Amino acid sequence: MQTHKDYYRNGFASNLIDNMINDLNKDGIKMIYSEARTWNIASNQLQQKLGFIQYGQDKFNYLYKLDIMTYNKKRIHFYDKSRKGYANE
């Protein structure tokens, strides 16, 4: 997934991933695995902000995992600048 540069730092990726995690939780999924290029600082910061834990690394990527049950207990409410409010409300 990539956000167009005109929309960086507006919470779109955070909101999209948050909604995806909640949908997966409703479907009974308990763990999510993802990866981000080692050079993609913004993506790595986002994964960490959302609570993904780095569990490994290959030649090009950091490998992450997220326990959805833990995520829901620590659920973050993301501020949506375009709505001037919290996305999860």
C-alpha atoms as a PDB file:
ATOM      1  CA  MET A   1       0.000   0.000   0.000  1.00  0.00           C
ATOM      2  CA  GLN A   2       1.230   3.477  -0.729  1.00  0.00           C
ATOM      3  CA  THR A   3      -0.262   6.898  -0.055  1.00  0.00           C
ATOM      4  CA  HIS A   4       0.027   9.584  -2.721  1.00  0.00           C
ATOM      5  CA  LYS A   5       2.541  12.234  -1.639  1.00  0.00           C
ATOM      6  CA  ASP A   6      -0.145  14.964  -1.633  1.00  0.00           C
ATOM      7  CA  TYR A   7      -1.865  13.092   1.204  1.00  0.00           C
ATOM      8  CA  TYR A   8       1.107  12.174   3.419  1.00  0.00           C
ATOM      9  CA  ARG A   9       0.646  12.705   7.168  1.00  0.00           C
ATOM     10  CA  ASN A  10      -3.145  13.066   7.014  1.00  0.00           C
ATOM     11  CA  GLY A  11      -3.956   9.783   8.746  1.00  0.00           C
ATOM     12  CA  PHE A  12      -5.285   7.963   5.669  1.00  0.00           C
ATOM     13  CA  ALA A  13      -2.973   4.949   5.990  1.00  0.00           C
ATOM     14  CA  SER A  14      -3.542   4.730   9.762  1.00  0.00           C
ATOM     15  CA  ASN A  15      -7.305   4.844   9.320  1.00  0.00           C
ATOM     16  CA  LEU A  16      -7.293   2.298   6.498  1.00  0.00           C
ATOM     17  CA  ILE A  17      -5.161  -0.151   8.464  1.00  0.00           C
ATOM     18  CA  ASP A  18      -7.211   0.418  11.629  1.00  0.00           C
ATOM     19  CA  ASN A  19     -10.415  -0.404   9.744  1.00  0.00           C
ATOM     20  CA  MET A  20      -8.791  -3.449   8.140  1.00  0.00           C
ATOM     21  CA  ILE A  21      -7.655  -4.738  11.544  1.00  0.00           C
ATOM     22  CA  ASN A  22     -11.148  -4.312  12.967  1.00  0.00           C
ATOM     23  CA  ASP A  23     -12.705  -6.138  10.004  1.00  0.00           C
ATOM     24  CA  LEU A  24     -10.202  -8.986  10.363  1.00  0.00           C
ATOM     25  CA  ASN A  25     -10.976  -9.184  14.075  1.00  0.00           C
ATOM     26  CA  LYS A  26     -14.691  -9.536  13.289  1.00  0.00           C
ATOM     27  CA  ASP A  27     -13.785 -12.400  10.952  1.00  0.00           C
ATOM     28  CA  GLY A  28     -11.930 -14.172  13.764  1.00  0.00           C
ATOM     29  CA  ILE A  29      -8.379 -13.421  12.617  1.00  0.00           C
ATOM     30  CA  LYS A  30      -6.042 -13.198  15.623  1.00  0.00           C
ATOM     31  CA  MET A  31      -2.629 -12.362  14.127  1.00  0.00           C
ATOM     32  CA  ILE A  32      -1.524 -10.190  11.201  1.00  0.00           C
ATOM     33  CA  TYR A  33       1.869 -10.376   9.517  1.00  0.00           C
ATOM     34  CA  SER A  34       3.304  -7.624   7.349  1.00  0.00           C
ATOM     35  CA  GLU A  35       6.546  -6.322   5.972  1.00  0.00           C
ATOM     36  CA  ALA A  36       8.007  -2.946   5.097  1.00  0.00           C
ATOM     37  CA  ARG A  37      11.094  -2.063   3.108  1.00  0.00           C
ATOM     38  CA  THR A  38      14.025  -1.252   5.376  1.00  0.00           C
ATOM     39  CA  TRP A  39      14.493   2.128   3.654  1.00  0.00           C
ATOM     40  CA  ASN A  40      10.822   3.141   4.035  1.00  0.00           C
ATOM     41  CA  ILE A  41      11.047   5.077   7.293  1.00  0.00           C
ATOM     42  CA  ALA A  42       7.439   6.324   7.225  1.00  0.00           C
ATOM     43  CA  SER A  43       6.041   2.823   6.745  1.00  0.00           C
ATOM     44  CA  ASN A  44       8.170   1.405   9.532  1.00  0.00           C
ATOM     45  CA  GLN A  45       7.144   4.217  11.884  1.00  0.00           C
ATOM     46  CA  LEU A  46       3.490   3.642  11.038  1.00  0.00           C
ATOM     47  CA  GLN A  47       3.723  -0.082  11.721  1.00  0.00           C
ATOM     48  CA  GLN A  48       5.342   0.588  15.083  1.00  0.00           C
ATOM     49  CA  LYS A  49       2.784   3.297  15.938  1.00  0.00           C
ATOM     50  CA  LEU A  50      -0.004   0.817  15.271  1.00  0.00           C
ATOM     51  CA  GLY A  51       1.585  -1.716  17.612  1.00  0.00           C
ATOM     52  CA  PHE A  52       3.176  -4.087  15.120  1.00  0.00           C
ATOM     53  CA  ILE A  53       6.226  -5.830  16.579  1.00  0.00           C
ATOM     54  CA  GLN A  54       9.292  -6.409  14.426  1.00  0.00           C
ATOM     55  CA  TYR A  55      10.125 -10.101  14.610  1.00  0.00           C
ATOM     56  CA  GLY A  56      12.660 -10.442  11.816  1.00  0.00           C
ATOM     57  CA  GLN A  57      14.353  -9.032   8.772  1.00  0.00           C
ATOM     58  CA  ASP A  58      15.264 -10.330   5.353  1.00  0.00           C
ATOM     59  CA  LYS A  59      17.513  -8.751   2.726  1.00  0.00           C
ATOM     60  CA  PHE A  60      15.102  -5.910   1.912  1.00  0.00           C
ATOM     61  CA  ASN A  61      12.332  -5.883   4.548  1.00  0.00           C
ATOM     62  CA  TYR A  62      11.562  -5.644   8.220  1.00  0.00           C
ATOM     63  CA  LEU A  63       9.043  -8.317   9.166  1.00  0.00           C
ATOM     64  CA  TYR A  64       6.226  -7.359  11.539  1.00  0.00           C
ATOM     65  CA  LYS A  65       3.398  -9.074  13.355  1.00  0.00           C
ATOM     66  CA  LEU A  66       0.404  -7.791  15.304  1.00  0.00           C
ATOM     67  CA  ASP A  67      -1.707  -9.632  17.856  1.00  0.00           C
ATOM     68  CA  ILE A  68      -5.179  -8.265  17.157  1.00  0.00           C
ATOM     69  CA  MET A  69      -6.399  -8.946  20.691  1.00  0.00           C
ATOM     70  CA  THR A  70      -3.607  -6.773  22.105  1.00  0.00           C
ATOM     71  CA  TYR A  71      -4.317  -4.116  19.473  1.00  0.00           C
ATOM     72  CA  ASN A  72      -7.977  -3.858  20.435  1.00  0.00           C
ATOM     73  CA  LYS A  73      -7.109  -3.413  24.105  1.00  0.00           C
ATOM     74  CA  LYS A  74      -4.730  -0.544  23.282  1.00  0.00           C
ATOM     75  CA  ARG A  75      -6.811   0.827  20.432  1.00  0.00           C
ATOM     76  CA  ILE A  76      -5.590   4.156  19.203  1.00  0.00           C
ATOM     77  CA  HIS A  77      -8.003   6.805  17.987  1.00  0.00           C
ATOM     78  CA  PHE A  78      -6.504   8.467  14.951  1.00  0.00           C
ATOM     79  CA  TYR A  79      -7.135  12.121  14.320  1.00  0.00           C
ATOM     80  CA  ASP A  80      -8.452  12.679  10.807  1.00  0.00           C
ATOM     81  CA  LYS A  81      -7.426  16.164   9.640  1.00  0.00           C
ATOM     82  CA  SER A  82      -9.848  16.108   6.709  1.00  0.00           C
ATOM     83  CA  ARG A  83     -12.827  15.529   9.052  1.00  0.00           C
ATOM     84  CA  LYS A  84     -11.376  17.613  11.884  1.00  0.00           C
ATOM     85  CA  GLY A  85     -12.222  14.788  14.238  1.00  0.00           C
ATOM     86  CA  TYR A  86     -11.270  11.324  15.313  1.00  0.00           C
ATOM     87  CA  ALA A  87     -11.635   8.677  12.646  1.00  0.00           C
ATOM     88  CA  ASN A  88     -12.890   5.965  14.965  1.00  0.00           C
ATOM     89  CA  GLU A  89     -15.836   7.932  16.335  1.00  0.00           C
END
